[in-house]
């Protein structure tokens, strides 16, 4: 039997029988957009792709980004209890430092 606990507060989600929310975060690197120029349109894209593939074969590089410093991690997945899920919806990036500290009203 699998064990599910809230990744934010540690609450056992199966023992309570509550809903659990799975939050998936996917990261994509988006480079700066450039305008197409006439030389780009005049270039034969099939020839350019063939040259690129030949260069990859010669270099022995498989073309993956795994070894690069800009490698993109796999999607993250978090299990949250209903309370932590509601808090996450209100502040998904954790920017509100006041919410992180719950002080008593003494």
N, C-alpha and C. Protein backbone atom coordinates (compact mmCIF):
# COMPACT_ATOMS: atom_id res chain seq x y z
N UNK A 1 0.85 -1.18 0.00
CA UNK A 1 0.00 0.00 0.00
C UNK A 1 0.89 1.24 0.00
N UNK A 2 0.55 2.16 -0.85
CA UNK A 2 1.33 3.39 -0.94
C UNK A 2 1.01 4.32 0.23
N UNK A 3 2.00 5.11 0.57
CA UNK A 3 1.84 6.08 1.64
C UNK A 3 1.86 7.47 1.04
N UNK A 4 0.87 8.26 1.35
CA UNK A 4 0.81 9.64 0.87
C UNK A 4 0.75 10.57 2.06
N UNK A 5 1.66 11.54 2.06
CA UNK A 5 1.64 12.57 3.08
C UNK A 5 1.76 13.92 2.39
N UNK A 6 1.26 14.95 3.05
CA UNK A 6 1.31 16.30 2.50
C UNK A 6 2.76 16.75 2.45
N UNK A 7 3.21 17.19 1.30
CA UNK A 7 4.59 17.63 1.15
C UNK A 7 4.85 18.97 1.81
N UNK A 8 3.80 19.69 2.21
CA UNK A 8 3.98 20.98 2.87
C UNK A 8 3.99 20.83 4.39
N UNK A 9 3.00 20.12 4.96
CA UNK A 9 2.89 20.03 6.42
C UNK A 9 3.19 18.65 6.98
N UNK A 10 3.29 17.63 6.13
CA UNK A 10 3.61 16.29 6.58
C UNK A 10 2.44 15.46 7.05
N UNK A 11 1.24 15.98 6.97
CA UNK A 11 0.04 15.27 7.42
C UNK A 11 -0.16 13.98 6.61
N UNK A 12 -0.49 12.87 7.28
CA UNK A 12 -0.75 11.60 6.61
C UNK A 12 -2.10 11.69 5.91
N UNK A 13 -2.09 11.60 4.61
CA UNK A 13 -3.32 11.82 3.84
C UNK A 13 -4.19 10.58 3.77
N UNK A 14 -3.65 9.40 3.91
CA UNK A 14 -4.46 8.19 3.85
C UNK A 14 -5.15 7.90 5.18
N UNK A 15 -4.50 8.23 6.29
CA UNK A 15 -5.08 7.96 7.61
C UNK A 15 -6.33 8.80 7.85
N UNK A 16 -6.33 10.02 7.36
CA UNK A 16 -7.45 10.93 7.58
C UNK A 16 -8.57 10.63 6.59
N UNK A 17 -8.24 10.11 5.43
CA UNK A 17 -9.25 9.82 4.42
C UNK A 17 -9.70 11.05 3.66
N UNK A 18 -8.95 12.14 3.74
CA UNK A 18 -9.29 13.36 3.03
C UNK A 18 -8.84 13.27 1.58
N UNK A 19 -9.32 14.22 0.84
CA UNK A 19 -8.82 14.37 -0.52
C UNK A 19 -7.36 14.76 -0.47
N UNK A 20 -6.63 14.37 -1.46
CA UNK A 20 -5.27 14.88 -1.61
C UNK A 20 -5.21 15.56 -2.96
N UNK A 21 -4.46 16.61 -3.03
CA UNK A 21 -4.31 17.37 -4.26
C UNK A 21 -2.89 17.17 -4.78
N UNK A 22 -2.78 16.86 -6.05
CA UNK A 22 -1.47 16.69 -6.68
C UNK A 22 -1.21 17.94 -7.52
N UNK A 23 -0.16 18.65 -7.16
CA UNK A 23 0.23 19.86 -7.88
C UNK A 23 1.44 19.49 -8.73
N UNK A 24 1.33 19.71 -10.02
CA UNK A 24 2.43 19.41 -10.94
C UNK A 24 2.99 20.72 -11.48
N UNK A 25 4.30 20.86 -11.40
CA UNK A 25 4.97 22.05 -11.89
C UNK A 25 5.92 21.63 -12.99
N UNK A 26 5.75 22.22 -14.15
CA UNK A 26 6.62 21.92 -15.28
C UNK A 26 7.38 23.18 -15.65
N UNK A 27 8.67 23.02 -15.90
CA UNK A 27 9.52 24.16 -16.22
C UNK A 27 9.95 24.05 -17.67
N UNK A 28 9.84 25.16 -18.39
CA UNK A 28 10.28 25.21 -19.78
C UNK A 28 11.17 26.42 -19.95
N UNK A 29 12.27 26.24 -20.65
CA UNK A 29 13.15 27.36 -20.96
C UNK A 29 12.68 27.98 -22.27
N UNK A 30 12.43 29.26 -22.22
CA UNK A 30 11.99 29.99 -23.41
C UNK A 30 13.03 31.06 -23.69
N UNK A 31 13.66 30.97 -24.85
CA UNK A 31 14.69 31.93 -25.22
C UNK A 31 14.07 33.22 -25.74
N UNK A 32 14.91 34.20 -25.95
CA UNK A 32 14.40 35.46 -26.48
C UNK A 32 13.87 35.25 -27.90
N UNK A 33 12.79 35.91 -28.18
CA UNK A 33 12.21 35.78 -29.51
C UNK A 33 12.93 36.73 -30.46
N UNK A 34 13.11 36.27 -31.64
CA UNK A 34 13.77 37.07 -32.65
C UNK A 34 12.85 37.19 -33.86
N UNK A 35 12.97 38.28 -34.55
CA UNK A 35 12.20 38.47 -35.76
C UNK A 35 12.86 37.72 -36.91
N UNK A 36 12.05 37.16 -37.75
CA UNK A 36 12.60 36.53 -38.95
C UNK A 36 13.02 37.62 -39.92
N UNK A 37 14.16 37.39 -40.52
CA UNK A 37 14.67 38.33 -41.51
C UNK A 37 14.71 37.64 -42.86
N UNK A 38 14.83 38.41 -43.91
CA UNK A 38 14.83 37.85 -45.26
C UNK A 38 15.90 36.78 -45.46
N UNK A 39 17.12 36.93 -44.96
CA UNK A 39 18.09 35.84 -45.13
C UNK A 39 17.63 34.53 -44.50
N UNK A 40 16.90 34.62 -43.39
CA UNK A 40 16.38 33.41 -42.76
C UNK A 40 15.38 32.71 -43.66
N UNK A 41 14.56 33.49 -44.34
CA UNK A 41 13.54 32.91 -45.21
C UNK A 41 14.15 32.35 -46.49
N UNK A 42 15.28 32.91 -46.91
CA UNK A 42 15.92 32.45 -48.13
C UNK A 42 16.70 31.16 -47.92
N UNK A 43 17.08 30.87 -46.66
CA UNK A 43 17.90 29.70 -46.38
C UNK A 43 17.08 28.42 -46.55
N UNK A 44 17.71 27.41 -47.10
CA UNK A 44 17.05 26.11 -47.25
C UNK A 44 17.12 25.39 -45.90
N UNK A 45 16.00 25.26 -45.22
CA UNK A 45 15.96 24.70 -43.88
C UNK A 45 16.33 23.21 -43.86
N UNK A 46 16.00 22.47 -44.93
CA UNK A 46 16.35 21.05 -44.98
C UNK A 46 17.86 20.87 -45.02
N UNK A 47 18.54 21.70 -45.81
CA UNK A 47 20.00 21.62 -45.86
C UNK A 47 20.61 21.98 -44.51
N UNK A 48 20.08 22.99 -43.87
CA UNK A 48 20.59 23.40 -42.57
C UNK A 48 20.41 22.29 -41.54
N UNK A 49 19.27 21.61 -41.57
CA UNK A 49 19.01 20.51 -40.63
C UNK A 49 19.95 19.35 -40.92
N UNK A 50 20.18 19.04 -42.19
CA UNK A 50 21.09 17.95 -42.55
C UNK A 50 22.50 18.25 -42.07
N UNK A 51 22.95 19.49 -42.22
CA UNK A 51 24.28 19.87 -41.74
C UNK A 51 24.37 19.73 -40.22
N UNK A 52 23.32 20.15 -39.53
CA UNK A 52 23.30 20.06 -38.07
C UNK A 52 23.39 18.60 -37.62
N UNK A 53 22.63 17.71 -38.27
CA UNK A 53 22.65 16.30 -37.90
C UNK A 53 24.01 15.67 -38.18
N UNK A 54 24.64 16.07 -39.27
CA UNK A 54 25.98 15.56 -39.58
C UNK A 54 26.98 16.01 -38.52
N UNK A 55 26.87 17.25 -38.08
CA UNK A 55 27.76 17.76 -37.03
C UNK A 55 27.57 16.97 -35.73
N UNK A 56 26.32 16.65 -35.41
CA UNK A 56 26.06 15.87 -34.20
C UNK A 56 26.69 14.50 -34.29
N UNK A 57 26.58 13.86 -35.45
CA UNK A 57 27.19 12.54 -35.62
C UNK A 57 28.70 12.60 -35.48
N UNK A 58 29.31 13.62 -36.07
CA UNK A 58 30.77 13.76 -36.01
C UNK A 58 31.24 14.02 -34.58
N UNK A 59 30.49 14.81 -33.85
CA UNK A 59 30.92 15.18 -32.49
C UNK A 59 30.59 14.11 -31.46
N UNK A 60 29.70 13.16 -31.80
CA UNK A 60 29.31 12.13 -30.85
C UNK A 60 28.31 12.62 -29.83
N UNK A 61 27.84 13.84 -29.97
CA UNK A 61 26.86 14.42 -29.06
C UNK A 61 25.48 13.87 -29.42
N UNK A 62 24.72 13.48 -28.40
CA UNK A 62 23.38 12.96 -28.69
C UNK A 62 22.34 14.06 -28.78
N UNK A 63 22.73 15.30 -28.59
CA UNK A 63 21.81 16.42 -28.74
C UNK A 63 20.98 16.71 -27.50
N UNK A 64 21.19 15.94 -26.43
CA UNK A 64 20.39 16.17 -25.23
C UNK A 64 20.98 17.32 -24.42
N UNK A 65 20.15 17.86 -23.56
CA UNK A 65 20.58 18.95 -22.69
C UNK A 65 21.00 18.45 -21.32
N UNK A 66 21.11 17.13 -21.15
CA UNK A 66 21.36 16.57 -19.82
C UNK A 66 22.68 17.06 -19.23
N UNK A 67 23.69 17.22 -20.04
CA UNK A 67 24.99 17.63 -19.52
C UNK A 67 25.17 19.14 -19.52
N UNK A 68 24.26 19.84 -20.13
CA UNK A 68 24.40 21.29 -20.24
C UNK A 68 24.03 21.96 -18.92
N UNK A 69 24.57 23.15 -18.70
CA UNK A 69 24.25 23.88 -17.47
C UNK A 69 22.83 24.41 -17.49
N UNK A 70 22.20 24.43 -18.65
CA UNK A 70 20.83 24.92 -18.74
C UNK A 70 19.83 23.77 -18.78
N UNK A 71 20.22 22.62 -18.24
CA UNK A 71 19.34 21.46 -18.25
C UNK A 71 18.03 21.78 -17.53
N UNK A 72 16.95 21.31 -18.08
CA UNK A 72 15.63 21.56 -17.51
C UNK A 72 15.23 20.34 -16.70
N UNK A 73 14.91 20.52 -15.42
CA UNK A 73 14.53 19.37 -14.60
C UNK A 73 13.19 18.79 -15.03
N UNK A 74 13.00 17.55 -14.68
CA UNK A 74 11.72 16.89 -14.96
C UNK A 74 10.61 17.61 -14.20
N UNK A 75 9.37 17.41 -14.61
CA UNK A 75 8.28 18.07 -13.88
C UNK A 75 8.27 17.65 -12.40
N UNK A 76 7.97 18.59 -11.55
CA UNK A 76 7.87 18.35 -10.12
C UNK A 76 6.42 17.98 -9.80
N UNK A 77 6.25 17.13 -8.79
CA UNK A 77 4.90 16.75 -8.38
C UNK A 77 4.84 16.77 -6.85
N UNK A 78 3.82 17.44 -6.32
CA UNK A 78 3.67 17.59 -4.87
C UNK A 78 2.28 17.12 -4.47
N UNK A 79 2.20 16.38 -3.36
CA UNK A 79 0.92 16.00 -2.77
C UNK A 79 0.62 16.99 -1.66
N UNK A 80 -0.59 17.55 -1.68
CA UNK A 80 -0.99 18.54 -0.68
C UNK A 80 -2.32 18.15 -0.05
N UNK A 81 -2.45 18.44 1.24
CA UNK A 81 -3.73 18.27 1.94
C UNK A 81 -4.63 19.45 1.54
N UNK A 82 -5.92 19.39 1.81
CA UNK A 82 -6.81 20.49 1.41
C UNK A 82 -6.40 21.86 1.96
N UNK A 83 -5.94 21.92 3.22
CA UNK A 83 -5.55 23.22 3.80
C UNK A 83 -4.33 23.79 3.08
N UNK A 84 -3.32 22.97 2.87
CA UNK A 84 -2.11 23.45 2.20
C UNK A 84 -2.39 23.79 0.75
N UNK A 85 -3.30 23.05 0.12
CA UNK A 85 -3.67 23.35 -1.26
C UNK A 85 -4.32 24.72 -1.37
N UNK A 86 -5.22 25.04 -0.43
CA UNK A 86 -5.86 26.37 -0.45
C UNK A 86 -4.82 27.47 -0.24
N UNK A 87 -3.87 27.23 0.67
CA UNK A 87 -2.80 28.22 0.88
C UNK A 87 -1.94 28.36 -0.37
N UNK A 88 -1.66 27.25 -1.03
CA UNK A 88 -0.85 27.29 -2.25
C UNK A 88 -1.57 28.05 -3.35
N UNK A 89 -2.88 27.87 -3.47
CA UNK A 89 -3.64 28.60 -4.50
C UNK A 89 -3.58 30.11 -4.29
N UNK A 90 -3.56 30.54 -3.04
CA UNK A 90 -3.50 31.98 -2.74
C UNK A 90 -2.12 32.57 -2.98
N UNK A 91 -1.09 31.76 -2.84
CA UNK A 91 0.28 32.27 -2.98
C UNK A 91 1.19 31.18 -3.55
N UNK A 92 1.03 30.83 -4.85
CA UNK A 92 1.78 29.69 -5.40
C UNK A 92 3.29 29.88 -5.44
N UNK A 93 3.78 31.09 -5.48
CA UNK A 93 5.23 31.31 -5.53
C UNK A 93 5.82 31.58 -4.15
N UNK A 94 5.00 31.59 -3.12
CA UNK A 94 5.49 31.80 -1.76
C UNK A 94 6.07 33.19 -1.55
N UNK A 95 5.48 34.18 -2.15
CA UNK A 95 6.00 35.55 -2.05
C UNK A 95 5.53 36.29 -0.81
N UNK A 96 4.44 35.88 -0.19
CA UNK A 96 3.89 36.59 0.96
C UNK A 96 4.53 36.08 2.24
N UNK A 97 5.55 36.78 2.76
CA UNK A 97 6.25 36.28 3.95
C UNK A 97 5.39 36.30 5.21
N UNK A 98 4.33 37.11 5.25
CA UNK A 98 3.47 37.18 6.42
C UNK A 98 2.72 35.87 6.60
N UNK A 99 2.34 35.23 5.53
CA UNK A 99 1.60 33.97 5.62
C UNK A 99 2.46 32.84 6.14
N UNK A 100 3.76 32.93 5.98
CA UNK A 100 4.64 31.85 6.40
C UNK A 100 4.73 31.78 7.92
N UNK A 101 4.56 32.90 8.60
CA UNK A 101 4.66 32.94 10.06
C UNK A 101 3.28 33.17 10.64
N UNK A 102 2.86 32.26 11.50
CA UNK A 102 1.57 32.42 12.17
C UNK A 102 1.82 32.72 13.63
N UNK A 103 1.80 34.00 13.96
CA UNK A 103 2.06 34.42 15.33
C UNK A 103 0.78 34.41 16.14
N UNK A 104 0.90 34.13 17.42
CA UNK A 104 -0.26 34.18 18.30
C UNK A 104 -0.64 35.64 18.55
N UNK A 105 -1.87 35.88 18.96
CA UNK A 105 -2.37 37.25 19.16
C UNK A 105 -2.19 37.70 20.61
N UNK A 106 -1.04 37.44 21.23
CA UNK A 106 -0.84 37.85 22.62
C UNK A 106 -0.31 39.23 22.74
